[in-house]
Amino acid sequence: MAVDDGSFDRYFFENPMIRDVLEKADLKNRKIFELMNPLLPPETPLNNSKLWFDTSYK
């Protein structure tokens, strides 16, 4: 419910420590390597983008 109503993102991204870490991580200039995980359960909701961190975070 928190993901759906946006309260999780507000709580997460407004946290000073999270903001500091994301700024220092310089995500815009990182390379992303997508790896396959054969041990990931088939029930994992990979197509539900609301549940995964967006690396294009500003």
PDB file of N, CA and C in Angstrom:
ATOM      1  N   MET A   1       0.828  -1.193   0.000  1.00  0.00           N
ATOM      2  CA  MET A   1       0.000   0.000   0.000  1.00  0.00           C
ATOM      3  C   MET A   1       0.873   1.256   0.000  1.00  0.00           C
ATOM      4  N   ALA A   2       1.976   1.206   0.743  1.00  0.00           N
ATOM      5  CA  ALA A   2       2.854   2.377   0.812  1.00  0.00           C
ATOM      6  C   ALA A   2       3.499   2.663  -0.545  1.00  0.00           C
ATOM      7  N   VAL A   3       3.825   1.619  -1.285  1.00  0.00           N
ATOM      8  CA  VAL A   3       4.389   1.805  -2.630  1.00  0.00           C
ATOM      9  C   VAL A   3       3.328   2.423  -3.530  1.00  0.00           C
ATOM     10  N   ASP A   4       2.123   1.898  -3.475  1.00  0.00           N
ATOM     11  CA  ASP A   4       1.049   2.382  -4.346  1.00  0.00           C
ATOM     12  C   ASP A   4       0.654   3.827  -4.069  1.00  0.00           C
ATOM     13  N   ASP A   5       0.655   4.243  -2.805  1.00  0.00           N
ATOM     14  CA  ASP A   5       0.221   5.619  -2.514  1.00  0.00           C
ATOM     15  C   ASP A   5       1.381   6.623  -2.497  1.00  0.00           C
ATOM     16  N   GLY A   6       2.604   6.129  -2.741  1.00  0.00           N
ATOM     17  CA  GLY A   6       3.761   7.022  -2.826  1.00  0.00           C
ATOM     18  C   GLY A   6       4.409   7.340  -1.490  1.00  0.00           C
ATOM     19  N   SER A   7       3.843   6.883  -0.391  1.00  0.00           N
ATOM     20  CA  SER A   7       4.405   7.224   0.917  1.00  0.00           C
ATOM     21  C   SER A   7       5.757   6.533   1.157  1.00  0.00           C
ATOM     22  N   PHE A   8       5.968   5.370   0.557  1.00  0.00           N
ATOM     23  CA  PHE A   8       7.272   4.721   0.711  1.00  0.00           C
ATOM     24  C   PHE A   8       8.361   5.574   0.072  1.00  0.00           C
ATOM     25  N   ASP A   9       8.139   6.033  -1.153  1.00  0.00           N
ATOM     26  CA  ASP A   9       9.136   6.868  -1.831  1.00  0.00           C
ATOM     27  C   ASP A   9       9.406   8.151  -1.054  1.00  0.00           C
ATOM     28  N   ARG A  10       8.365   8.764  -0.541  1.00  0.00           N
ATOM     29  CA  ARG A  10       8.561   9.989   0.243  1.00  0.00           C
ATOM     30  C   ARG A  10       9.419   9.691   1.467  1.00  0.00           C
ATOM     31  N   TYR A  11       9.082   8.646   2.191  1.00  0.00           N
ATOM     32  CA  TYR A  11       9.834   8.274   3.381  1.00  0.00           C
ATOM     33  C   TYR A  11      11.285   7.952   3.026  1.00  0.00           C
ATOM     34  N   PHE A  12      11.484   7.189   1.979  1.00  0.00           N
ATOM     35  CA  PHE A  12      12.816   6.760   1.574  1.00  0.00           C
ATOM     36  C   PHE A  12      13.659   7.934   1.075  1.00  0.00           C
ATOM     37  N   PHE A  13      13.164   8.675   0.102  1.00  0.00           N
ATOM     38  CA  PHE A  13      13.964   9.711  -0.550  1.00  0.00           C
ATOM     39  C   PHE A  13      14.098  10.992   0.275  1.00  0.00           C
ATOM     40  N   GLU A  14      13.261  11.183   1.279  1.00  0.00           N
ATOM     41  CA  GLU A  14      13.388  12.362   2.132  1.00  0.00           C
ATOM     42  C   GLU A  14      14.306  12.097   3.324  1.00  0.00           C
ATOM     43  N   ASN A  15      14.757  10.869   3.483  1.00  0.00           N
ATOM     44  CA  ASN A  15      15.672  10.541   4.557  1.00  0.00           C
ATOM     45  C   ASN A  15      17.028  11.170   4.244  1.00  0.00           C
ATOM     46  N   PRO A  16      17.575  11.992   5.148  1.00  0.00           N
ATOM     47  CA  PRO A  16      18.843  12.680   4.871  1.00  0.00           C
ATOM     48  C   PRO A  16      19.991  11.729   4.546  1.00  0.00           C
ATOM     49  N   MET A  17      20.062  10.592   5.219  1.00  0.00           N
ATOM     50  CA  MET A  17      21.140   9.655   4.954  1.00  0.00           C
ATOM     51  C   MET A  17      21.006   9.059   3.548  1.00  0.00           C
ATOM     52  N   ILE A  18      19.800   8.702   3.143  1.00  0.00           N
ATOM     53  CA  ILE A  18      19.572   8.145   1.806  1.00  0.00           C
ATOM     54  C   ILE A  18      19.918   9.199   0.757  1.00  0.00           C
ATOM     55  N   ARG A  19      19.454  10.426   0.962  1.00  0.00           N
ATOM     56  CA  ARG A  19      19.773  11.500   0.007  1.00  0.00           C
ATOM     57  C   ARG A  19      21.272  11.675  -0.146  1.00  0.00           C
ATOM     58  N   ASP A  20      21.991  11.675   0.977  1.00  0.00           N
ATOM     59  CA  ASP A  20      23.439  11.851   0.948  1.00  0.00           C
ATOM     60  C   ASP A  20      24.114  10.709   0.187  1.00  0.00           C
ATOM     61  N   VAL A  21      23.714   9.490   0.457  1.00  0.00           N
ATOM     62  CA  VAL A  21      24.313   8.326  -0.206  1.00  0.00           C
ATOM     63  C   VAL A  21      24.039   8.353  -1.702  1.00  0.00           C
ATOM     64  N   LEU A  22      22.803   8.678  -2.085  1.00  0.00           N
ATOM     65  CA  LEU A  22      22.470   8.722  -3.513  1.00  0.00           C
ATOM     66  C   LEU A  22      23.252   9.814  -4.239  1.00  0.00           C
ATOM     67  N   GLU A  23      23.433  10.935  -3.576  1.00  0.00           N
ATOM     68  CA  GLU A  23      24.214  12.012  -4.189  1.00  0.00           C
ATOM     69  C   GLU A  23      25.670  11.586  -4.370  1.00  0.00           C
ATOM     70  N   LYS A  24      26.232  10.975  -3.365  1.00  0.00           N
ATOM     71  CA  LYS A  24      27.633  10.533  -3.436  1.00  0.00           C
ATOM     72  C   LYS A  24      27.820   9.376  -4.409  1.00  0.00           C
ATOM     73  N   ALA A  25      26.786   8.596  -4.635  1.00  0.00           N
ATOM     74  CA  ALA A  25      26.885   7.446  -5.543  1.00  0.00           C
ATOM     75  C   ALA A  25      27.025   7.876  -6.994  1.00  0.00           C
ATOM     76  N   ASP A  26      26.626   9.108  -7.314  1.00  0.00           N
ATOM     77  CA  ASP A  26      26.736   9.645  -8.674  1.00  0.00           C
ATOM     78  C   ASP A  26      26.171   8.654  -9.693  1.00  0.00           C
ATOM     79  N   LEU A  27      24.934   8.245  -9.470  1.00  0.00           N
ATOM     80  CA  LEU A  27      24.304   7.200 -10.277  1.00  0.00           C
ATOM     81  C   LEU A  27      24.234   7.519 -11.767  1.00  0.00           C
ATOM     82  N   LYS A  28      24.158   8.782 -12.116  1.00  0.00           N
ATOM     83  CA  LYS A  28      24.062   9.151 -13.537  1.00  0.00           C
ATOM     84  C   LYS A  28      25.315   8.753 -14.312  1.00  0.00           C
ATOM     85  N   ASN A  29      26.433   8.653 -13.631  1.00  0.00           N
ATOM     86  CA  ASN A  29      27.695   8.351 -14.302  1.00  0.00           C
ATOM     87  C   ASN A  29      28.184   6.933 -14.058  1.00  0.00           C
ATOM     88  N   ARG A  30      27.303   6.066 -13.633  1.00  0.00           N
ATOM     89  CA  ARG A  30      27.666   4.675 -13.382  1.00  0.00           C
ATOM     90  C   ARG A  30      27.271   3.797 -14.559  1.00  0.00           C
ATOM     91  N   LYS A  31      27.994   2.735 -14.730  1.00  0.00           N
ATOM     92  CA  LYS A  31      27.631   1.739 -15.731  1.00  0.00           C
ATOM     93  C   LYS A  31      26.763   0.694 -15.055  1.00  0.00           C
ATOM     94  N   ILE A  32      25.773   0.221 -15.761  1.00  0.00           N
ATOM     95  CA  ILE A  32      24.876  -0.794 -15.234  1.00  0.00           C
ATOM     96  C   ILE A  32      25.125  -2.097 -15.968  1.00  0.00           C
ATOM     97  N   PHE A  33      25.361  -3.131 -15.217  1.00  0.00           N
ATOM     98  CA  PHE A  33      25.531  -4.464 -15.773  1.00  0.00           C
ATOM     99  C   PHE A  33      24.326  -5.285 -15.340  1.00  0.00           C
ATOM    100  N   GLU A  34      23.549  -5.742 -16.284  1.00  0.00           N
ATOM    101  CA  GLU A  34      22.394  -6.571 -15.955  1.00  0.00           C
ATOM    102  C   GLU A  34      22.828  -8.025 -15.953  1.00  0.00           C
ATOM    103  N   LEU A  35      22.559  -8.685 -14.847  1.00  0.00           N
ATOM    104  CA  LEU A  35      22.963 -10.076 -14.677  1.00  0.00           C
ATOM    105  C   LEU A  35      21.732 -10.952 -14.541  1.00  0.00           C
ATOM    106  N   MET A  36      21.818 -12.124 -15.073  1.00  0.00           N
ATOM    107  CA  MET A  36      20.749 -13.096 -14.917  1.00  0.00           C
ATOM    108  C   MET A  36      20.997 -13.855 -13.613  1.00  0.00           C
ATOM    109  N   ASN A  37      19.942 -14.141 -12.880  1.00  0.00           N
ATOM    110  CA  ASN A  37      20.057 -14.894 -11.641  1.00  0.00           C
ATOM    111  C   ASN A  37      19.205 -16.155 -11.768  1.00  0.00           C
ATOM    112  N   PRO A  38      19.816 -17.285 -12.055  1.00  0.00           N
ATOM    113  CA  PRO A  38      19.041 -18.516 -12.247  1.00  0.00           C
ATOM    114  C   PRO A  38      18.383 -19.012 -10.957  1.00  0.00           C
ATOM    115  N   LEU A  39      18.775 -18.460  -9.805  1.00  0.00           N
ATOM    116  CA  LEU A  39      18.205 -18.889  -8.532  1.00  0.00           C
ATOM    117  C   LEU A  39      17.025 -18.029  -8.086  1.00  0.00           C
ATOM    118  N   LEU A  40      16.715 -17.011  -8.856  1.00  0.00           N
ATOM    119  CA  LEU A  40      15.595 -16.127  -8.513  1.00  0.00           C
ATOM    120  C   LEU A  40      14.284 -16.889  -8.669  1.00  0.00           C
ATOM    121  N   PRO A  41      13.448 -16.872  -7.650  1.00  0.00           N
ATOM    122  CA  PRO A  41      12.189 -17.613  -7.745  1.00  0.00           C
ATOM    123  C   PRO A  41      11.311 -17.074  -8.878  1.00  0.00           C
ATOM    124  N   PRO A  42      10.571 -17.924  -9.547  1.00  0.00           N
ATOM    125  CA  PRO A  42       9.718 -17.492 -10.659  1.00  0.00           C
ATOM    126  C   PRO A  42       8.631 -16.506 -10.230  1.00  0.00           C
ATOM    127  N   GLU A  43       8.305 -16.475  -8.938  1.00  0.00           N
ATOM    128  CA  GLU A  43       7.275 -15.552  -8.447  1.00  0.00           C
ATOM    129  C   GLU A  43       7.781 -14.120  -8.295  1.00  0.00           C
ATOM    130  N   THR A  44       9.081 -13.902  -8.449  1.00  0.00           N
ATOM    131  CA  THR A  44       9.647 -12.558  -8.286  1.00  0.00           C
ATOM    132  C   THR A  44       9.027 -11.619  -9.316  1.00  0.00           C
ATOM    133  N   PRO A  45       8.429 -10.520  -8.860  1.00  0.00           N
ATOM    134  CA  PRO A  45       7.721  -9.609  -9.780  1.00  0.00           C
ATOM    135  C   PRO A  45       8.675  -8.674 -10.539  1.00  0.00           C
ATOM    136  N   LEU A  46       9.476  -9.233 -11.431  1.00  0.00           N
ATOM    137  CA  LEU A  46      10.474  -8.442 -12.161  1.00  0.00           C
ATOM    138  C   LEU A  46       9.855  -7.353 -13.024  1.00  0.00           C
ATOM    139  N   ASN A  47       8.643  -7.560 -13.505  1.00  0.00           N
ATOM    140  CA  ASN A  47       8.012  -6.590 -14.393  1.00  0.00           C
ATOM    141  C   ASN A  47       7.267  -5.477 -13.666  1.00  0.00           C
ATOM    142  N   ASN A  48       7.244  -5.516 -12.341  1.00  0.00           N
ATOM    143  CA  ASN A  48       6.565  -4.479 -11.574  1.00  0.00           C
ATOM    144  C   ASN A  48       7.586  -3.415 -11.194  1.00  0.00           C
ATOM    145  N   SER A  49       7.736  -2.403 -12.026  1.00  0.00           N
ATOM    146  CA  SER A  49       8.766  -1.382 -11.831  1.00  0.00           C
ATOM    147  C   SER A  49       8.595  -0.597 -10.536  1.00  0.00           C
ATOM    148  N   LYS A  50       7.399  -0.603  -9.972  1.00  0.00           N
ATOM    149  CA  LYS A  50       7.177   0.114  -8.712  1.00  0.00           C
ATOM    150  C   LYS A  50       7.984  -0.487  -7.571  1.00  0.00           C
ATOM    151  N   LEU A  51       8.394  -1.730  -7.709  1.00  0.00           N
ATOM    152  CA  LEU A  51       9.080  -2.430  -6.628  1.00  0.00           C
ATOM    153  C   LEU A  51      10.600  -2.395  -6.737  1.00  0.00           C
ATOM    154  N   TRP A  52      11.128  -1.785  -7.787  1.00  0.00           N
ATOM    155  CA  TRP A  52      12.576  -1.800  -8.010  1.00  0.00           C
ATOM    156  C   TRP A  52      13.123  -0.390  -8.049  1.00  0.00           C
ATOM    157  N   PHE A  53      14.337  -0.231  -7.542  1.00  0.00           N
ATOM    158  CA  PHE A  53      14.978   1.079  -7.533  1.00  0.00           C
ATOM    159  C   PHE A  53      15.285   1.526  -8.954  1.00  0.00           C
ATOM    160  N   ASP A  54      14.884   2.733  -9.274  1.00  0.00           N
ATOM    161  CA  ASP A  54      15.144   3.302 -10.595  1.00  0.00           C
ATOM    162  C   ASP A  54      16.498   3.986 -10.563  1.00  0.00           C
ATOM    163  N   THR A  55      17.462   3.462 -11.301  1.00  0.00           N
ATOM    164  CA  THR A  55      18.816   4.020 -11.275  1.00  0.00           C
ATOM    165  C   THR A  55      18.918   5.363 -11.960  1.00  0.00           C
ATOM    166  N   SER A  56      17.844   5.813 -12.579  1.00  0.00           N
ATOM    167  CA  SER A  56      17.873   7.153 -13.176  1.00  0.00           C
ATOM    168  C   SER A  56      17.408   8.198 -12.165  1.00  0.00           C
ATOM    169  N   TYR A  57      17.390   7.821 -10.875  1.00  0.00           N
ATOM    170  CA  TYR A  57      17.014   8.734  -9.792  1.00  0.00           C
ATOM    171  C   TYR A  57      17.789  10.036  -9.948  1.00  0.00           C
ATOM    172  N   LYS A  58      17.081  11.112  -9.745  1.00  0.00           N
ATOM    173  CA  LYS A  58      17.716  12.429  -9.937  1.00  0.00           C
ATOM    174  C   LYS A  58      18.207  12.976  -8.618  1.00  0.00           C
TER     175      LYS A  58
END
